[in-house]
Amino acid sequence: MAKGIVLASGSVHRRELLKNAGVDFTVRPSDLDERAIEAPLLGSGATAEDVAAVLAEAKATDVSQDHPNEIVIGADQTLALGDRVFHKPANMEEARRTLLALSGRTHTLNSAVVLVEKGAVTWRHVAVARITLRELEPGFVGRYLASVGARALTSVGAYQIEREGVQLMEAIEGDYFTIIGLPILPLLKELRARGEIDG
Protein backbone atom coordinates (compact mmCIF):
# COMPACT_ATOMS: atom_id res chain seq x y z
CA MET A 1 0.00 0.00 0.00
CA ALA A 2 1.35 3.41 -1.00
CA LYS A 3 2.33 5.82 1.74
CA GLY A 4 1.62 9.52 1.70
CA ILE A 5 4.22 11.75 0.06
CA VAL A 6 5.32 15.02 1.67
CA LEU A 7 7.41 17.71 -0.01
CA ALA A 8 9.66 19.41 2.55
CA SER A 9 10.11 22.51 0.43
CA GLY A 10 8.28 25.78 0.01
CA SER A 11 9.58 26.17 -3.56
CA VAL A 12 6.81 27.00 -5.98
CA HIS A 13 8.90 25.54 -8.80
CA ARG A 14 9.36 22.15 -7.12
CA ARG A 15 5.69 22.06 -6.21
CA GLU A 16 4.70 22.75 -9.82
CA LEU A 17 7.03 20.06 -11.18
CA LEU A 18 5.53 17.41 -8.91
CA LYS A 19 1.98 18.59 -9.51
CA ASN A 20 2.46 18.64 -13.29
CA ALA A 21 3.87 15.10 -13.12
CA GLY A 22 0.64 13.94 -11.49
CA VAL A 23 2.13 13.11 -8.09
CA ASP A 24 -0.26 13.32 -5.13
CA PHE A 25 1.57 15.04 -2.26
CA THR A 26 1.29 17.56 0.53
CA VAL A 27 3.63 20.48 1.19
CA ARG A 28 5.27 20.88 4.60
CA PRO A 29 8.27 23.22 4.31
CA SER A 30 11.08 22.88 6.83
CA ASP A 31 11.95 26.01 8.80
CA LEU A 32 15.55 25.02 9.53
CA ASP A 33 18.20 27.73 9.30
CA GLU A 34 19.97 26.58 6.15
CA ARG A 35 22.89 28.99 6.51
CA ALA A 36 23.59 27.70 10.03
CA ILE A 37 23.71 24.12 8.71
CA GLU A 38 25.87 25.14 5.79
CA ALA A 39 28.40 27.28 7.69
CA PRO A 40 30.53 24.46 9.15
CA LEU A 41 30.52 22.65 5.81
CA LEU A 42 32.06 25.49 3.84
CA GLY A 43 35.32 25.42 5.77
CA SER A 44 35.52 21.63 5.87
CA GLY A 45 36.38 20.93 2.26
CA ALA A 46 32.80 19.96 1.42
CA THR A 47 31.90 20.60 -2.21
CA ALA A 48 28.87 22.56 -3.38
CA GLU A 49 27.38 19.19 -4.34
CA ASP A 50 27.91 17.95 -0.76
CA VAL A 51 26.27 21.07 0.64
CA ALA A 52 23.17 20.58 -1.53
CA ALA A 53 22.85 16.96 -0.39
CA VAL A 54 23.31 17.79 3.31
CA LEU A 55 20.73 20.58 3.16
CA ALA A 56 18.21 18.39 1.34
CA GLU A 57 18.68 15.63 3.92
CA ALA A 58 18.43 18.03 6.87
CA LYS A 59 15.15 19.53 5.65
CA ALA A 60 13.55 16.17 4.88
CA THR A 61 14.70 14.64 8.18
CA ASP A 62 13.31 17.63 10.07
CA VAL A 63 9.87 17.31 8.44
CA SER A 64 9.91 13.51 8.80
CA GLN A 65 9.75 13.88 12.59
CA ASP A 66 6.15 15.09 12.24
CA HIS A 67 5.32 12.68 9.39
CA PRO A 68 6.88 9.35 10.43
CA ASN A 69 4.52 7.21 8.34
CA GLU A 70 5.01 9.12 5.12
CA ILE A 71 7.77 9.48 2.55
CA VAL A 72 9.33 12.94 2.78
CA ILE A 73 11.01 14.48 -0.25
CA GLY A 74 13.83 16.88 0.54
CA ALA A 75 15.53 19.00 -2.09
CA ASP A 76 18.13 21.71 -2.27
CA GLN A 77 20.23 23.41 -4.89
CA THR A 78 23.59 25.13 -4.78
CA LEU A 79 25.32 27.26 -7.39
CA ALA A 80 29.09 27.20 -7.61
CA LEU A 81 31.47 29.33 -9.62
CA GLY A 82 34.87 27.81 -9.01
CA ASP A 83 35.23 27.60 -5.23
CA ARG A 84 32.58 30.25 -4.55
CA VAL A 85 29.10 29.11 -3.50
CA PHE A 86 26.22 31.48 -4.21
CA HIS A 87 22.89 31.79 -2.38
CA LYS A 88 19.58 33.37 -3.27
CA PRO A 89 20.20 37.12 -3.43
CA ALA A 90 18.84 39.02 -0.45
CA ASN A 91 18.06 42.15 -2.47
CA MET A 92 18.26 43.57 -5.98
CA GLU A 93 21.79 44.90 -5.52
CA GLU A 94 22.98 41.43 -4.57
CA ALA A 95 21.13 40.01 -7.59
CA ARG A 96 22.94 42.53 -9.79
CA ARG A 97 26.33 41.54 -8.34
CA THR A 98 25.52 37.84 -8.80
CA LEU A 99 24.66 38.25 -12.48
CA LEU A 100 27.75 40.36 -13.17
CA ALA A 101 29.93 37.75 -11.41
CA LEU A 102 28.41 34.98 -13.57
CA SER A 103 28.58 37.03 -16.78
CA GLY A 104 30.58 35.32 -19.52
CA ARG A 105 31.47 32.39 -17.28
CA THR A 106 30.32 28.81 -16.71
CA HIS A 107 28.81 27.95 -13.34
CA THR A 108 27.53 24.70 -11.88
CA LEU A 109 24.10 23.99 -10.43
CA ASN A 110 23.92 21.05 -8.04
CA SER A 111 20.38 19.81 -7.38
CA ALA A 112 19.99 17.26 -4.61
CA VAL A 113 16.87 15.23 -3.86
CA VAL A 114 16.42 12.70 -1.05
CA LEU A 115 13.71 10.48 0.35
CA VAL A 116 13.41 10.14 4.12
CA GLU A 117 11.26 7.64 6.03
CA LYS A 118 10.97 7.55 9.81
CA GLY A 119 13.82 10.03 10.08
CA ALA A 120 16.27 7.99 7.96
CA VAL A 121 17.46 8.74 4.44
CA THR A 122 16.43 5.83 2.20
CA TRP A 123 17.46 7.29 -1.17
CA ARG A 124 19.50 10.22 -2.47
CA HIS A 125 20.47 11.65 -5.82
CA VAL A 126 22.44 14.72 -6.91
CA ALA A 127 22.21 15.97 -10.49
CA VAL A 128 24.58 18.53 -11.98
CA ALA A 129 24.05 21.09 -14.73
CA ARG A 130 26.49 23.59 -16.18
CA ILE A 131 25.33 26.93 -17.51
CA THR A 132 27.34 29.55 -19.35
CA LEU A 133 25.96 33.06 -19.25
CA ARG A 134 26.71 35.33 -22.17
CA GLU A 135 28.67 38.52 -21.60
CA LEU A 136 26.19 40.83 -19.88
CA GLU A 137 26.46 44.61 -20.06
CA PRO A 138 25.75 46.28 -16.70
CA GLY A 139 23.01 48.37 -18.30
CA PHE A 140 21.26 45.26 -19.62
CA VAL A 141 21.50 43.60 -16.18
CA GLY A 142 19.78 46.62 -14.66
CA ARG A 143 17.00 46.54 -17.26
CA TYR A 144 16.59 42.78 -16.84
CA LEU A 145 16.24 43.08 -13.06
CA ALA A 146 13.78 45.96 -13.41
CA SER A 147 11.73 43.78 -15.74
CA VAL A 148 11.64 40.61 -13.60
CA GLY A 149 11.44 42.40 -10.26
CA ALA A 150 11.32 40.35 -7.06
CA ARG A 151 11.34 37.07 -9.01
CA ALA A 152 15.10 37.55 -9.29
CA LEU A 153 15.32 36.96 -5.54
CA THR A 154 13.63 33.54 -5.69
CA SER A 155 16.45 31.65 -7.40
CA VAL A 156 20.07 31.18 -6.50
CA GLY A 157 21.38 32.60 -9.78
CA ALA A 158 18.91 35.51 -9.92
CA TYR A 159 17.42 34.01 -13.09
CA GLN A 160 14.63 31.63 -14.05
CA ILE A 161 15.38 29.55 -17.11
CA GLU A 162 11.65 29.00 -17.66
CA ARG A 163 11.10 32.75 -18.07
CA GLU A 164 13.14 35.76 -19.21
CA GLY A 165 16.27 34.34 -17.60
CA VAL A 166 16.84 32.14 -20.64
CA GLN A 167 17.90 35.32 -22.47
CA LEU A 168 20.95 35.53 -20.21
CA MET A 169 22.28 32.16 -21.31
CA GLU A 170 24.74 31.16 -23.97
CA ALA A 171 25.05 27.42 -23.35
CA ILE A 172 23.50 24.76 -21.14
CA GLU A 173 24.76 21.27 -20.29
CA GLY A 174 22.34 19.25 -18.24
CA ASP A 175 18.74 18.51 -17.49
CA TYR A 176 16.07 21.24 -17.46
CA PHE A 177 14.60 19.87 -14.22
CA THR A 178 18.01 19.97 -12.54
CA ILE A 179 18.21 23.66 -13.38
CA ILE A 180 14.71 24.29 -12.00
CA GLY A 181 15.83 22.61 -8.74
CA LEU A 182 14.33 19.10 -8.68
CA PRO A 183 15.81 16.17 -10.66
CA ILE A 184 12.37 14.76 -11.21
CA LEU A 185 13.11 11.88 -13.60
CA PRO A 186 15.24 9.87 -11.14
CA LEU A 187 12.79 10.80 -8.36
CA LEU A 188 9.80 9.48 -10.32
CA LYS A 189 11.73 6.33 -11.19
CA GLU A 190 12.42 5.68 -7.50
CA LEU A 191 8.81 6.36 -6.47
CA ARG A 192 7.60 3.93 -9.19
CA ALA A 193 10.07 1.28 -8.03
CA ARG A 194 8.64 1.57 -4.50
CA GLY A 195 5.07 1.35 -5.75
CA GLU A 196 4.32 4.85 -4.47
CA ILE A 197 3.09 6.07 -7.86
CA ASP A 198 1.55 4.19 -10.76
CA GLY A 199 3.98 2.83 -13.27
C-alpha atoms as a PDB file:
ATOM      1  CA  MET A   1       0.000   0.000   0.000  1.00  0.00           C
ATOM      2  CA  ALA A   2       1.354   3.408  -1.004  1.00  0.00           C
ATOM      3  CA  LYS A   3       2.330   5.815   1.740  1.00  0.00           C
ATOM      4  CA  GLY A   4       1.624   9.523   1.703  1.00  0.00           C
ATOM      5  CA  ILE A   5       4.215  11.751   0.064  1.00  0.00           C
ATOM      6  CA  VAL A   6       5.319  15.018   1.670  1.00  0.00           C
ATOM      7  CA  LEU A   7       7.411  17.714  -0.011  1.00  0.00           C
ATOM      8  CA  ALA A   8       9.665  19.408   2.553  1.00  0.00           C
ATOM      9  CA  SER A   9      10.114  22.513   0.429  1.00  0.00           C
ATOM     10  CA  GLY A  10       8.283  25.778   0.005  1.00  0.00           C
ATOM     11  CA  SER A  11       9.585  26.170  -3.562  1.00  0.00           C
ATOM     12  CA  VAL A  12       6.808  27.002  -5.983  1.00  0.00           C
ATOM     13  CA  HIS A  13       8.905  25.538  -8.797  1.00  0.00           C
ATOM     14  CA  ARG A  14       9.357  22.152  -7.115  1.00  0.00           C
ATOM     15  CA  ARG A  15       5.689  22.062  -6.207  1.00  0.00           C
ATOM     16  CA  GLU A  16       4.698  22.752  -9.819  1.00  0.00           C
ATOM     17  CA  LEU A  17       7.031  20.063 -11.181  1.00  0.00           C
ATOM     18  CA  LEU A  18       5.534  17.406  -8.910  1.00  0.00           C
ATOM     19  CA  LYS A  19       1.980  18.590  -9.514  1.00  0.00           C
ATOM     20  CA  ASN A  20       2.456  18.638 -13.291  1.00  0.00           C
ATOM     21  CA  ALA A  21       3.875  15.103 -13.122  1.00  0.00           C
ATOM     22  CA  GLY A  22       0.639  13.941 -11.492  1.00  0.00           C
ATOM     23  CA  VAL A  23       2.130  13.106  -8.090  1.00  0.00           C
ATOM     24  CA  ASP A  24      -0.256  13.315  -5.132  1.00  0.00           C
ATOM     25  CA  PHE A  25       1.567  15.041  -2.260  1.00  0.00           C
ATOM     26  CA  THR A  26       1.288  17.563   0.527  1.00  0.00           C
ATOM     27  CA  VAL A  27       3.633  20.476   1.194  1.00  0.00           C
ATOM     28  CA  ARG A  28       5.274  20.884   4.604  1.00  0.00           C
ATOM     29  CA  PRO A  29       8.267  23.220   4.314  1.00  0.00           C
ATOM     30  CA  SER A  30      11.075  22.876   6.831  1.00  0.00           C
ATOM     31  CA  ASP A  31      11.950  26.007   8.805  1.00  0.00           C
ATOM     32  CA  LEU A  32      15.550  25.021   9.527  1.00  0.00           C
ATOM     33  CA  ASP A  33      18.198  27.726   9.303  1.00  0.00           C
ATOM     34  CA  GLU A  34      19.970  26.576   6.152  1.00  0.00           C
ATOM     35  CA  ARG A  35      22.885  28.991   6.510  1.00  0.00           C
ATOM     36  CA  ALA A  36      23.587  27.699  10.030  1.00  0.00           C
ATOM     37  CA  ILE A  37      23.709  24.120   8.708  1.00  0.00           C
ATOM     38  CA  GLU A  38      25.865  25.138   5.788  1.00  0.00           C
ATOM     39  CA  ALA A  39      28.396  27.282   7.688  1.00  0.00           C
ATOM     40  CA  PRO A  40      30.532  24.460   9.155  1.00  0.00           C
ATOM     41  CA  LEU A  41      30.518  22.648   5.807  1.00  0.00           C
ATOM     42  CA  LEU A  42      32.060  25.489   3.838  1.00  0.00           C
ATOM     43  CA  GLY A  43      35.324  25.420   5.767  1.00  0.00           C
ATOM     44  CA  SER A  44      35.521  21.630   5.874  1.00  0.00           C
ATOM     45  CA  GLY A  45      36.384  20.928   2.255  1.00  0.00           C
ATOM     46  CA  ALA A  46      32.796  19.963   1.419  1.00  0.00           C
ATOM     47  CA  THR A  47      31.900  20.596  -2.211  1.00  0.00           C
ATOM     48  CA  ALA A  48      28.867  22.562  -3.375  1.00  0.00           C
ATOM     49  CA  GLU A  49      27.378  19.185  -4.340  1.00  0.00           C
ATOM     50  CA  ASP A  50      27.911  17.946  -0.763  1.00  0.00           C
ATOM     51  CA  VAL A  51      26.266  21.070   0.640  1.00  0.00           C
ATOM     52  CA  ALA A  52      23.173  20.582  -1.532  1.00  0.00           C
ATOM     53  CA  ALA A  53      22.850  16.959  -0.389  1.00  0.00           C
ATOM     54  CA  VAL A  54      23.311  17.790   3.305  1.00  0.00           C
ATOM     55  CA  LEU A  55      20.729  20.575   3.163  1.00  0.00           C
ATOM     56  CA  ALA A  56      18.208  18.387   1.337  1.00  0.00           C
ATOM     57  CA  GLU A  57      18.676  15.631   3.922  1.00  0.00           C
ATOM     58  CA  ALA A  58      18.432  18.027   6.869  1.00  0.00           C
ATOM     59  CA  LYS A  59      15.153  19.528   5.653  1.00  0.00           C
ATOM     60  CA  ALA A  60      13.554  16.169   4.884  1.00  0.00           C
ATOM     61  CA  THR A  61      14.704  14.643   8.181  1.00  0.00           C
ATOM     62  CA  ASP A  62      13.313  17.632  10.071  1.00  0.00           C
ATOM     63  CA  VAL A  63       9.870  17.306   8.439  1.00  0.00           C
ATOM     64  CA  SER A  64       9.911  13.513   8.803  1.00  0.00           C
ATOM     65  CA  GLN A  65       9.749  13.884  12.587  1.00  0.00           C
ATOM     66  CA  ASP A  66       6.151  15.093  12.239  1.00  0.00           C
ATOM     67  CA  HIS A  67       5.321  12.681   9.390  1.00  0.00           C
ATOM     68  CA  PRO A  68       6.882   9.355  10.428  1.00  0.00           C
ATOM     69  CA  ASN A  69       4.524   7.211   8.342  1.00  0.00           C
ATOM     70  CA  GLU A  70       5.007   9.121   5.116  1.00  0.00           C
ATOM     71  CA  ILE A  71       7.767   9.482   2.553  1.00  0.00           C
ATOM     72  CA  VAL A  72       9.327  12.937   2.779  1.00  0.00           C
ATOM     73  CA  ILE A  73      11.012  14.479  -0.252  1.00  0.00           C
ATOM     74  CA  GLY A  74      13.831  16.876   0.542  1.00  0.00           C
ATOM     75  CA  ALA A  75      15.528  18.998  -2.094  1.00  0.00           C
ATOM     76  CA  ASP A  76      18.131  21.713  -2.270  1.00  0.00           C
ATOM     77  CA  GLN A  77      20.228  23.412  -4.891  1.00  0.00           C
ATOM     78  CA  THR A  78      23.591  25.128  -4.784  1.00  0.00           C
ATOM     79  CA  LEU A  79      25.320  27.259  -7.394  1.00  0.00           C
ATOM     80  CA  ALA A  80      29.094  27.196  -7.611  1.00  0.00           C
ATOM     81  CA  LEU A  81      31.475  29.332  -9.618  1.00  0.00           C
ATOM     82  CA  GLY A  82      34.872  27.815  -9.015  1.00  0.00           C
ATOM     83  CA  ASP A  83      35.226  27.601  -5.229  1.00  0.00           C
ATOM     84  CA  ARG A  84      32.580  30.245  -4.551  1.00  0.00           C
ATOM     85  CA  VAL A  85      29.105  29.111  -3.503  1.00  0.00           C
ATOM     86  CA  PHE A  86      26.219  31.476  -4.213  1.00  0.00           C
ATOM     87  CA  HIS A  87      22.886  31.786  -2.381  1.00  0.00           C
ATOM     88  CA  LYS A  88      19.576  33.370  -3.265  1.00  0.00           C
ATOM     89  CA  PRO A  89      20.198  37.119  -3.431  1.00  0.00           C
ATOM     90  CA  ALA A  90      18.841  39.021  -0.452  1.00  0.00           C
ATOM     91  CA  ASN A  91      18.057  42.146  -2.474  1.00  0.00           C
ATOM     92  CA  MET A  92      18.259  43.567  -5.982  1.00  0.00           C
ATOM     93  CA  GLU A  93      21.790  44.898  -5.523  1.00  0.00           C
ATOM     94  CA  GLU A  94      22.984  41.426  -4.571  1.00  0.00           C
ATOM     95  CA  ALA A  95      21.127  40.010  -7.593  1.00  0.00           C
ATOM     96  CA  ARG A  96      22.942  42.529  -9.795  1.00  0.00           C
ATOM     97  CA  ARG A  97      26.332  41.544  -8.336  1.00  0.00           C
ATOM     98  CA  THR A  98      25.518  37.843  -8.803  1.00  0.00           C
ATOM     99  CA  LEU A  99      24.663  38.253 -12.480  1.00  0.00           C
ATOM    100  CA  LEU A 100      27.746  40.356 -13.167  1.00  0.00           C
ATOM    101  CA  ALA A 101      29.934  37.751 -11.413  1.00  0.00           C
ATOM    102  CA  LEU A 102      28.411  34.979 -13.566  1.00  0.00           C
ATOM    103  CA  SER A 103      28.584  37.034 -16.780  1.00  0.00           C
ATOM    104  CA  GLY A 104      30.577  35.320 -19.525  1.00  0.00           C
ATOM    105  CA  ARG A 105      31.466  32.388 -17.278  1.00  0.00           C
ATOM    106  CA  THR A 106      30.324  28.813 -16.707  1.00  0.00           C
ATOM    107  CA  HIS A 107      28.809  27.946 -13.338  1.00  0.00           C
ATOM    108  CA  THR A 108      27.529  24.699 -11.881  1.00  0.00           C
ATOM    109  CA  LEU A 109      24.103  23.992 -10.427  1.00  0.00           C
ATOM    110  CA  ASN A 110      23.920  21.045  -8.037  1.00  0.00           C
ATOM    111  CA  SER A 111      20.381  19.811  -7.385  1.00  0.00           C
ATOM    112  CA  ALA A 112      19.986  17.259  -4.610  1.00  0.00           C
ATOM    113  CA  VAL A 113      16.868  15.232  -3.858  1.00  0.00           C
ATOM    114  CA  VAL A 114      16.419  12.701  -1.048  1.00  0.00           C
ATOM    115  CA  LEU A 115      13.708  10.481   0.352  1.00  0.00           C
ATOM    116  CA  VAL A 116      13.408  10.138   4.124  1.00  0.00           C
ATOM    117  CA  GLU A 117      11.261   7.638   6.028  1.00  0.00           C
ATOM    118  CA  LYS A 118      10.968   7.549   9.813  1.00  0.00           C
ATOM    119  CA  GLY A 119      13.824  10.029  10.077  1.00  0.00           C
ATOM    120  CA  ALA A 120      16.271   7.992   7.964  1.00  0.00           C
ATOM    121  CA  VAL A 121      17.463   8.740   4.440  1.00  0.00           C
ATOM    122  CA  THR A 122      16.430   5.833   2.203  1.00  0.00           C
ATOM    123  CA  TRP A 123      17.459   7.291  -1.166  1.00  0.00           C
ATOM    124  CA  ARG A 124      19.498  10.217  -2.468  1.00  0.00           C
ATOM    125  CA  HIS A 125      20.467  11.651  -5.822  1.00  0.00           C
ATOM    126  CA  VAL A 126      22.440  14.723  -6.909  1.00  0.00           C
ATOM    127  CA  ALA A 127      22.214  15.967 -10.490  1.00  0.00           C
ATOM    128  CA  VAL A 128      24.580  18.529 -11.977  1.00  0.00           C
ATOM    129  CA  ALA A 129      24.047  21.094 -14.730  1.00  0.00           C
ATOM    130  CA  ARG A 130      26.487  23.587 -16.185  1.00  0.00           C
ATOM    131  CA  ILE A 131      25.329  26.932 -17.506  1.00  0.00           C
ATOM    132  CA  THR A 132      27.342  29.548 -19.355  1.00  0.00           C
ATOM    133  CA  LEU A 133      25.957  33.060 -19.252  1.00  0.00           C
ATOM    134  CA  ARG A 134      26.706  35.328 -22.166  1.00  0.00           C
ATOM    135  CA  GLU A 135      28.669  38.518 -21.600  1.00  0.00           C
ATOM    136  CA  LEU A 136      26.195  40.833 -19.876  1.00  0.00           C
ATOM    137  CA  GLU A 137      26.464  44.606 -20.062  1.00  0.00           C
ATOM    138  CA  PRO A 138      25.748  46.282 -16.699  1.00  0.00           C
ATOM    139  CA  GLY A 139      23.012  48.365 -18.304  1.00  0.00           C
ATOM    140  CA  PHE A 140      21.260  45.264 -19.616  1.00  0.00           C
ATOM    141  CA  VAL A 141      21.497  43.604 -16.183  1.00  0.00           C
ATOM    142  CA  GLY A 142      19.782  46.624 -14.657  1.00  0.00           C
ATOM    143  CA  ARG A 143      16.999  46.541 -17.255  1.00  0.00           C
ATOM    144  CA  TYR A 144      16.589  42.782 -16.838  1.00  0.00           C
ATOM    145  CA  LEU A 145      16.236  43.081 -13.064  1.00  0.00           C
ATOM    146  CA  ALA A 146      13.782  45.956 -13.415  1.00  0.00           C
ATOM    147  CA  SER A 147      11.725  43.778 -15.742  1.00  0.00           C
ATOM    148  CA  VAL A 148      11.639  40.610 -13.601  1.00  0.00           C
ATOM    149  CA  GLY A 149      11.436  42.400 -10.259  1.00  0.00           C
ATOM    150  CA  ALA A 150      11.316  40.354  -7.062  1.00  0.00           C
ATOM    151  CA  ARG A 151      11.337  37.073  -9.012  1.00  0.00           C
ATOM    152  CA  ALA A 152      15.099  37.545  -9.294  1.00  0.00           C
ATOM    153  CA  LEU A 153      15.322  36.963  -5.542  1.00  0.00           C
ATOM    154  CA  THR A 154      13.629  33.541  -5.693  1.00  0.00           C
ATOM    155  CA  SER A 155      16.451  31.651  -7.404  1.00  0.00           C
ATOM    156  CA  VAL A 156      20.067  31.177  -6.504  1.00  0.00           C
ATOM    157  CA  GLY A 157      21.384  32.602  -9.784  1.00  0.00           C
ATOM    158  CA  ALA A 158      18.908  35.505  -9.923  1.00  0.00           C
ATOM    159  CA  TYR A 159      17.424  34.010 -13.090  1.00  0.00           C
ATOM    160  CA  GLN A 160      14.628  31.632 -14.050  1.00  0.00           C
ATOM    161  CA  ILE A 161      15.379  29.546 -17.112  1.00  0.00           C
ATOM    162  CA  GLU A 162      11.653  28.999 -17.658  1.00  0.00           C
ATOM    163  CA  ARG A 163      11.096  32.752 -18.067  1.00  0.00           C
ATOM    164  CA  GLU A 164      13.142  35.757 -19.212  1.00  0.00           C
ATOM    165  CA  GLY A 165      16.273  34.338 -17.600  1.00  0.00           C
ATOM    166  CA  VAL A 166      16.837  32.137 -20.642  1.00  0.00           C
ATOM    167  CA  GLN A 167      17.901  35.320 -22.467  1.00  0.00           C
ATOM    168  CA  LEU A 168      20.952  35.525 -20.214  1.00  0.00           C
ATOM    169  CA  MET A 169      22.280  32.156 -21.311  1.00  0.00           C
ATOM    170  CA  GLU A 170      24.738  31.163 -23.973  1.00  0.00           C
ATOM    171  CA  ALA A 171      25.046  27.419 -23.352  1.00  0.00           C
ATOM    172  CA  ILE A 172      23.496  24.755 -21.142  1.00  0.00           C
ATOM    173  CA  GLU A 173      24.760  21.273 -20.292  1.00  0.00           C
ATOM    174  CA  GLY A 174      22.341  19.254 -18.239  1.00  0.00           C
ATOM    175  CA  ASP A 175      18.740  18.514 -17.490  1.00  0.00           C
ATOM    176  CA  TYR A 176      16.069  21.236 -17.463  1.00  0.00           C
ATOM    177  CA  PHE A 177      14.597  19.866 -14.221  1.00  0.00           C
ATOM    178  CA  THR A 178      18.006  19.972 -12.535  1.00  0.00           C
ATOM    179  CA  ILE A 179      18.213  23.660 -13.382  1.00  0.00           C
ATOM    180  CA  ILE A 180      14.715  24.287 -11.996  1.00  0.00           C
ATOM    181  CA  GLY A 181      15.830  22.610  -8.742  1.00  0.00           C
ATOM    182  CA  LEU A 182      14.330  19.099  -8.679  1.00  0.00           C
ATOM    183  CA  PRO A 183      15.814  16.168 -10.660  1.00  0.00           C
ATOM    184  CA  ILE A 184      12.366  14.758 -11.210  1.00  0.00           C
ATOM    185  CA  LEU A 185      13.113  11.884 -13.604  1.00  0.00           C
ATOM    186  CA  PRO A 186      15.237   9.871 -11.139  1.00  0.00           C
ATOM    187  CA  LEU A 187      12.790  10.796  -8.359  1.00  0.00           C
ATOM    188  CA  LEU A 188       9.797   9.483 -10.320  1.00  0.00           C
ATOM    189  CA  LYS A 189      11.734   6.333 -11.193  1.00  0.00           C
ATOM    190  CA  GLU A 190      12.424   5.677  -7.502  1.00  0.00           C
ATOM    191  CA  LEU A 191       8.813   6.357  -6.473  1.00  0.00           C
ATOM    192  CA  ARG A 192       7.603   3.929  -9.189  1.00  0.00           C
ATOM    193  CA  ALA A 193      10.065   1.284  -8.026  1.00  0.00           C
ATOM    194  CA  ARG A 194       8.643   1.568  -4.498  1.00  0.00           C
ATOM    195  CA  GLY A 195       5.067   1.346  -5.752  1.00  0.00           C
ATOM    196  CA  GLU A 196       4.317   4.853  -4.472  1.00  0.00           C
ATOM    197  CA  ILE A 197       3.089   6.074  -7.858  1.00  0.00           C
ATOM    198  CA  ASP A 198       1.549   4.189 -10.756  1.00  0.00           C
ATOM    199  CA  GLY A 199       3.980   2.833 -13.269  1.00  0.00           C
END
